């Protein structure tokens, strides 16, 4: 997908442009975008770990 930067004068104008853009897409294009956003394997492309390590810390409390 080609990335495009656009500048708007108001939030309403930007929202309307978003609505028009998504309305112009075919259902297949919308599904492709959704699958791309949900593709968790994308982390592998940037070398991020598959899963975060768990870290535990033991905190000793004062006795009263």
PDB file of N, CA and C in Angstrom:
ATOM      1  N   UNK A   1       0.840  -1.167   0.000  1.00  0.00           N
ATOM      2  CA  UNK A   1       0.000   0.000   0.000  1.00  0.00           C
ATOM      3  C   UNK A   1       0.892   1.239   0.000  1.00  0.00           C
ATOM      4  N   UNK A   2       0.547   2.193  -0.823  1.00  0.00           N
ATOM      5  CA  UNK A   2       1.295   3.432  -0.916  1.00  0.00           C
ATOM      6  C   UNK A   2       0.915   4.346   0.240  1.00  0.00           C
ATOM      7  N   UNK A   3       1.909   4.920   0.894  1.00  0.00           N
ATOM      8  CA  UNK A   3       1.654   5.825   2.014  1.00  0.00           C
ATOM      9  C   UNK A   3       1.642   7.255   1.486  1.00  0.00           C
ATOM     10  N   UNK A   4       0.621   8.009   1.874  1.00  0.00           N
ATOM     11  CA  UNK A   4       0.450   9.377   1.411  1.00  0.00           C
ATOM     12  C   UNK A   4       0.217  10.286   2.613  1.00  0.00           C
ATOM     13  N   UNK A   5       0.854  11.443   2.615  1.00  0.00           N
ATOM     14  CA  UNK A   5       0.654  12.434   3.670  1.00  0.00           C
ATOM     15  C   UNK A   5      -0.204  13.552   3.103  1.00  0.00           C
ATOM     16  N   UNK A   6      -1.269  13.892   3.829  1.00  0.00           N
ATOM     17  CA  UNK A   6      -2.143  14.987   3.411  1.00  0.00           C
ATOM     18  C   UNK A   6      -2.323  15.934   4.592  1.00  0.00           C
ATOM     19  N   UNK A   7      -2.488  17.212   4.300  1.00  0.00           N
ATOM     20  CA  UNK A   7      -2.652  18.227   5.335  1.00  0.00           C
ATOM     21  C   UNK A   7      -4.054  18.808   5.214  1.00  0.00           C
ATOM     22  N   UNK A   8      -4.749  18.912   6.356  1.00  0.00           N
ATOM     23  CA  UNK A   8      -6.117  19.425   6.383  1.00  0.00           C
ATOM     24  C   UNK A   8      -6.191  20.643   7.286  1.00  0.00           C
ATOM     25  N   UNK A   9      -7.184  21.471   7.038  1.00  0.00           N
ATOM     26  CA  UNK A   9      -7.368  22.693   7.818  1.00  0.00           C
ATOM     27  C   UNK A   9      -8.147  22.448   9.109  1.00  0.00           C
ATOM     28  N   UNK A  10      -8.886  21.321   9.176  1.00  0.00           N
ATOM     29  CA  UNK A  10      -9.669  21.033  10.374  1.00  0.00           C
ATOM     30  C   UNK A  10      -9.793  19.526  10.554  1.00  0.00           C
ATOM     31  N   UNK A  11     -10.180  19.130  11.768  1.00  0.00           N
ATOM     32  CA  UNK A  11     -10.399  17.706  12.050  1.00  0.00           C
ATOM     33  C   UNK A  11     -11.597  17.192  11.254  1.00  0.00           C
ATOM     34  N   UNK A  12     -12.602  18.034  11.098  1.00  0.00           N
ATOM     35  CA  UNK A  12     -13.795  17.626  10.352  1.00  0.00           C
ATOM     36  C   UNK A  12     -13.439  17.325   8.899  1.00  0.00           C
ATOM     37  N   UNK A  13     -12.598  18.162   8.314  1.00  0.00           N
ATOM     38  CA  UNK A  13     -12.171  17.957   6.928  1.00  0.00           C
ATOM     39  C   UNK A  13     -11.380  16.650   6.805  1.00  0.00           C
ATOM     40  N   UNK A  14     -10.521  16.366   7.776  1.00  0.00           N
ATOM     41  CA  UNK A  14      -9.741  15.127   7.769  1.00  0.00           C
ATOM     42  C   UNK A  14     -10.650  13.915   7.944  1.00  0.00           C
ATOM     43  N   UNK A  15     -11.633  14.006   8.829  1.00  0.00           N
ATOM     44  CA  UNK A  15     -12.575  12.906   9.036  1.00  0.00           C
ATOM     45  C   UNK A  15     -13.369  12.620   7.765  1.00  0.00           C
ATOM     46  N   UNK A  16     -13.798  13.670   7.081  1.00  0.00           N
ATOM     47  CA  UNK A  16     -14.557  13.492   5.843  1.00  0.00           C
ATOM     48  C   UNK A  16     -13.689  12.844   4.763  1.00  0.00           C
ATOM     49  N   UNK A  17     -12.433  13.236   4.683  1.00  0.00           N
ATOM     50  CA  UNK A  17     -11.519  12.628   3.718  1.00  0.00           C
ATOM     51  C   UNK A  17     -11.328  11.145   4.031  1.00  0.00           C
ATOM     52  N   UNK A  18     -11.235  10.797   5.328  1.00  0.00           N
ATOM     53  CA  UNK A  18     -11.127   9.384   5.725  1.00  0.00           C
ATOM     54  C   UNK A  18     -12.362   8.607   5.289  1.00  0.00           C
ATOM     55  N   UNK A  19     -13.543   9.176   5.541  1.00  0.00           N
ATOM     56  CA  UNK A  19     -14.786   8.497   5.149  1.00  0.00           C
ATOM     57  C   UNK A  19     -14.837   8.267   3.641  1.00  0.00           C
ATOM     58  N   UNK A  20     -14.467   9.280   2.880  1.00  0.00           N
ATOM     59  CA  UNK A  20     -14.480   9.140   1.423  1.00  0.00           C
ATOM     60  C   UNK A  20     -13.473   8.098   0.950  1.00  0.00           C
ATOM     61  N   UNK A  21     -12.295   8.082   1.586  1.00  0.00           N
ATOM     62  CA  UNK A  21     -11.277   7.111   1.195  1.00  0.00           C
ATOM     63  C   UNK A  21     -11.760   5.683   1.426  1.00  0.00           C
ATOM     64  N   UNK A  22     -12.265   5.407   2.633  1.00  0.00           N
ATOM     65  CA  UNK A  22     -12.698   4.045   2.943  1.00  0.00           C
ATOM     66  C   UNK A  22     -13.938   3.654   2.147  1.00  0.00           C
ATOM     67  N   UNK A  23     -14.792   4.601   1.818  1.00  0.00           N
ATOM     68  CA  UNK A  23     -15.967   4.307   0.992  1.00  0.00           C
ATOM     69  C   UNK A  23     -15.557   3.967  -0.440  1.00  0.00           C
ATOM     70  N   UNK A  24     -14.410   4.489  -0.883  1.00  0.00           N
ATOM     71  CA  UNK A  24     -13.972   4.232  -2.257  1.00  0.00           C
ATOM     72  C   UNK A  24     -13.299   2.871  -2.419  1.00  0.00           C
ATOM     73  N   UNK A  25     -12.937   2.226  -1.307  1.00  0.00           N
ATOM     74  CA  UNK A  25     -12.275   0.924  -1.372  1.00  0.00           C
ATOM     75  C   UNK A  25     -13.278  -0.187  -1.647  1.00  0.00           C
ATOM     76  N   UNK A  26     -12.794  -1.230  -2.303  1.00  0.00           N
ATOM     77  CA  UNK A  26     -13.625  -2.413  -2.498  1.00  0.00           C
ATOM     78  C   UNK A  26     -13.627  -3.219  -1.205  1.00  0.00           C
ATOM     79  N   UNK A  27     -14.607  -4.089  -1.021  1.00  0.00           N
ATOM     80  CA  UNK A  27     -14.595  -4.930   0.182  1.00  0.00           C
ATOM     81  C   UNK A  27     -13.302  -5.741   0.310  1.00  0.00           C
ATOM     82  N   UNK A  28     -12.771  -6.219  -0.814  1.00  0.00           N
ATOM     83  CA  UNK A  28     -11.535  -6.995  -0.769  1.00  0.00           C
ATOM     84  C   UNK A  28     -10.363  -6.138  -0.291  1.00  0.00           C
ATOM     85  N   UNK A  29     -10.298  -4.894  -0.725  1.00  0.00           N
ATOM     86  CA  UNK A  29      -9.234  -4.001  -0.285  1.00  0.00           C
ATOM     87  C   UNK A  29      -9.335  -3.739   1.219  1.00  0.00           C
ATOM     88  N   UNK A  30     -10.548  -3.589   1.707  1.00  0.00           N
ATOM     89  CA  UNK A  30     -10.732  -3.376   3.148  1.00  0.00           C
ATOM     90  C   UNK A  30     -10.292  -4.594   3.939  1.00  0.00           C
ATOM     91  N   UNK A  31     -10.635  -5.782   3.435  1.00  0.00           N
ATOM     92  CA  UNK A  31     -10.224  -7.019   4.117  1.00  0.00           C
ATOM     93  C   UNK A  31      -8.710  -7.158   4.097  1.00  0.00           C
ATOM     94  N   UNK A  32      -8.083  -6.820   2.983  1.00  0.00           N
ATOM     95  CA  UNK A  32      -6.624  -6.904   2.894  1.00  0.00           C
ATOM     96  C   UNK A  32      -5.957  -5.985   3.909  1.00  0.00           C
ATOM     97  N   UNK A  33      -6.522  -4.786   4.083  1.00  0.00           N
ATOM     98  CA  UNK A  33      -5.976  -3.848   5.061  1.00  0.00           C
ATOM     99  C   UNK A  33      -6.134  -4.396   6.471  1.00  0.00           C
ATOM    100  N   UNK A  34      -7.283  -4.988   6.761  1.00  0.00           N
ATOM    101  CA  UNK A  34      -7.526  -5.538   8.088  1.00  0.00           C
ATOM    102  C   UNK A  34      -6.557  -6.683   8.376  1.00  0.00           C
ATOM    103  N   UNK A  35      -6.361  -7.567   7.404  1.00  0.00           N
ATOM    104  CA  UNK A  35      -5.447  -8.691   7.598  1.00  0.00           C
ATOM    105  C   UNK A  35      -4.025  -8.181   7.819  1.00  0.00           C
ATOM    106  N   UNK A  36      -3.640  -7.144   7.086  1.00  0.00           N
ATOM    107  CA  UNK A  36      -2.302  -6.571   7.263  1.00  0.00           C
ATOM    108  C   UNK A  36      -2.136  -6.002   8.666  1.00  0.00           C
ATOM    109  N   UNK A  37      -3.166  -5.341   9.185  1.00  0.00           N
ATOM    110  CA  UNK A  37      -3.089  -4.787  10.537  1.00  0.00           C
ATOM    111  C   UNK A  37      -3.061  -5.875  11.604  1.00  0.00           C
ATOM    112  N   UNK A  38      -3.728  -6.995  11.345  1.00  0.00           N
ATOM    113  CA  UNK A  38      -3.795  -8.071  12.322  1.00  0.00           C
ATOM    114  C   UNK A  38      -2.659  -9.080  12.187  1.00  0.00           C
ATOM    115  N   UNK A  39      -1.788  -8.882  11.220  1.00  0.00           N
ATOM    116  CA  UNK A  39      -0.715  -9.836  10.968  1.00  0.00           C
ATOM    117  C   UNK A  39       0.367  -9.698  12.036  1.00  0.00           C
ATOM    118  N   UNK A  40       0.302 -10.537  13.063  1.00  0.00           N
ATOM    119  CA  UNK A  40       1.261 -10.468  14.162  1.00  0.00           C
ATOM    120  C   UNK A  40       2.645 -10.934  13.748  1.00  0.00           C
ATOM    121  N   UNK A  41       2.738 -11.646  12.652  1.00  0.00           N
ATOM    122  CA  UNK A  41       4.049 -12.093  12.195  1.00  0.00           C
ATOM    123  C   UNK A  41       4.881 -10.931  11.682  1.00  0.00           C
ATOM    124  N   UNK A  42       4.298  -9.749  11.557  1.00  0.00           N
ATOM    125  CA  UNK A  42       5.032  -8.571  11.117  1.00  0.00           C
ATOM    126  C   UNK A  42       6.177  -8.223  12.045  1.00  0.00           C
ATOM    127  N   UNK A  43       6.085  -8.664  13.302  1.00  0.00           N
ATOM    128  CA  UNK A  43       7.159  -8.396  14.247  1.00  0.00           C
ATOM    129  C   UNK A  43       8.446  -9.090  13.835  1.00  0.00           C
ATOM    130  N   UNK A  44       8.327 -10.222  13.172  1.00  0.00           N
ATOM    131  CA  UNK A  44       9.513 -10.950  12.741  1.00  0.00           C
ATOM    132  C   UNK A  44      10.304 -10.147  11.720  1.00  0.00           C
ATOM    133  N   UNK A  45       9.626  -9.332  10.951  1.00  0.00           N
ATOM    134  CA  UNK A  45      10.302  -8.562   9.908  1.00  0.00           C
ATOM    135  C   UNK A  45      11.268  -7.548  10.503  1.00  0.00           C
ATOM    136  N   UNK A  46      10.969  -7.047  11.694  1.00  0.00           N
ATOM    137  CA  UNK A  46      11.838  -6.038  12.303  1.00  0.00           C
ATOM    138  C   UNK A  46      12.748  -6.643  13.370  1.00  0.00           C
ATOM    139  N   UNK A  47      12.700  -7.943  13.535  1.00  0.00           N
ATOM    140  CA  UNK A  47      13.589  -8.607  14.461  1.00  0.00           C
ATOM    141  C   UNK A  47      13.153  -8.555  15.914  1.00  0.00           C
ATOM    142  N   UNK A  48      11.913  -8.227  16.175  1.00  0.00           N
ATOM    143  CA  UNK A  48      11.423  -8.204  17.547  1.00  0.00           C
ATOM    144  C   UNK A  48      11.213  -9.635  18.033  1.00  0.00           C
ATOM    145  N   UNK A  49      11.340  -9.861  19.322  1.00  0.00           N
ATOM    146  CA  UNK A  49      11.140 -11.223  19.827  1.00  0.00           C
ATOM    147  C   UNK A  49       9.692 -11.671  19.629  1.00  0.00           C
ATOM    148  N   UNK A  50       9.537 -12.974  19.492  1.00  0.00           N
ATOM    149  CA  UNK A  50       8.202 -13.516  19.281  1.00  0.00           C
ATOM    150  C   UNK A  50       7.322 -13.293  20.505  1.00  0.00           C
ATOM    151  N   UNK A  51       7.949 -13.355  21.676  1.00  0.00           N
ATOM    152  CA  UNK A  51       7.198 -13.178  22.910  1.00  0.00           C
ATOM    153  C   UNK A  51       8.054 -12.431  23.922  1.00  0.00           C
ATOM    154  N   UNK A  52       7.451 -11.605  24.715  1.00  0.00           N
ATOM    155  CA  UNK A  52       8.197 -10.865  25.725  1.00  0.00           C
ATOM    156  C   UNK A  52       8.577 -11.778  26.882  1.00  0.00           C
ATOM    157  N   UNK A  53       9.743 -11.527  27.449  1.00  0.00           N
ATOM    158  CA  UNK A  53      10.169 -12.302  28.604  1.00  0.00           C
ATOM    159  C   UNK A  53       9.415 -11.839  29.836  1.00  0.00           C
ATOM    160  N   UNK A  54       9.131 -12.777  30.715  1.00  0.00           N
ATOM    161  CA  UNK A  54       8.479 -12.426  31.969  1.00  0.00           C
ATOM    162  C   UNK A  54       9.544 -12.072  32.988  1.00  0.00           C
ATOM    163  N   UNK A  55       9.289 -11.016  33.722  1.00  0.00           N
ATOM    164  CA  UNK A  55      10.240 -10.555  34.732  1.00  0.00           C
ATOM    165  C   UNK A  55       9.508 -10.498  36.058  1.00  0.00           C
ATOM    166  N   UNK A  56      10.094 -11.136  37.058  1.00  0.00           N
ATOM    167  CA  UNK A  56       9.514 -11.138  38.395  1.00  0.00           C
ATOM    168  C   UNK A  56      10.473 -10.427  39.336  1.00  0.00           C
ATOM    169  N   UNK A  57       9.921  -9.672  40.259  1.00  0.00           N
ATOM    170  CA  UNK A  57      10.742  -8.994  41.243  1.00  0.00           C
ATOM    171  C   UNK A  57      10.168  -9.313  42.618  1.00  0.00           C
ATOM    172  N   UNK A  58      11.037  -9.739  43.524  1.00  0.00           N
ATOM    173  CA  UNK A  58      10.617 -10.020  44.881  1.00  0.00           C
ATOM    174  C   UNK A  58      10.932  -8.803  45.730  1.00  0.00           C
ATOM    175  N   UNK A  59       9.922  -8.285  46.375  1.00  0.00           N
ATOM    176  CA  UNK A  59      10.087  -7.107  47.213  1.00  0.00           C
ATOM    177  C   UNK A  59       9.887  -7.519  48.663  1.00  0.00           C
ATOM    178  N   UNK A  60      10.896  -7.271  49.481  1.00  0.00           N
ATOM    179  CA  UNK A  60      10.783  -7.591  50.899  1.00  0.00           C
ATOM    180  C   UNK A  60      10.215  -6.385  51.624  1.00  0.00           C
ATOM    181  N   UNK A  61       9.193  -6.625  52.425  1.00  0.00           N
ATOM    182  CA  UNK A  61       8.565  -5.556  53.178  1.00  0.00           C
ATOM    183  C   UNK A  61       9.132  -5.519  54.587  1.00  0.00           C
ATOM    184  N   UNK A  62       9.107  -4.338  55.159  1.00  0.00           N
ATOM    185  CA  UNK A  62       9.590  -4.201  56.531  1.00  0.00           C
ATOM    186  C   UNK A  62       8.629  -4.876  57.491  1.00  0.00           C
ATOM    187  N   UNK A  63       9.204  -5.502  58.542  1.00  0.00           N
ATOM    188  CA  UNK A  63       8.391  -6.110  59.599  1.00  0.00           C
ATOM    189  C   UNK A  63       8.030  -5.033  60.602  1.00  0.00           C
ATOM    190  N   UNK A  64       6.829  -4.975  61.063  1.00  0.00           N
ATOM    191  CA  UNK A  64       6.437  -3.980  62.072  1.00  0.00           C
ATOM    192  C   UNK A  64       6.270  -4.614  63.409  1.00  0.00           C
TER     193      UNK A  64
END
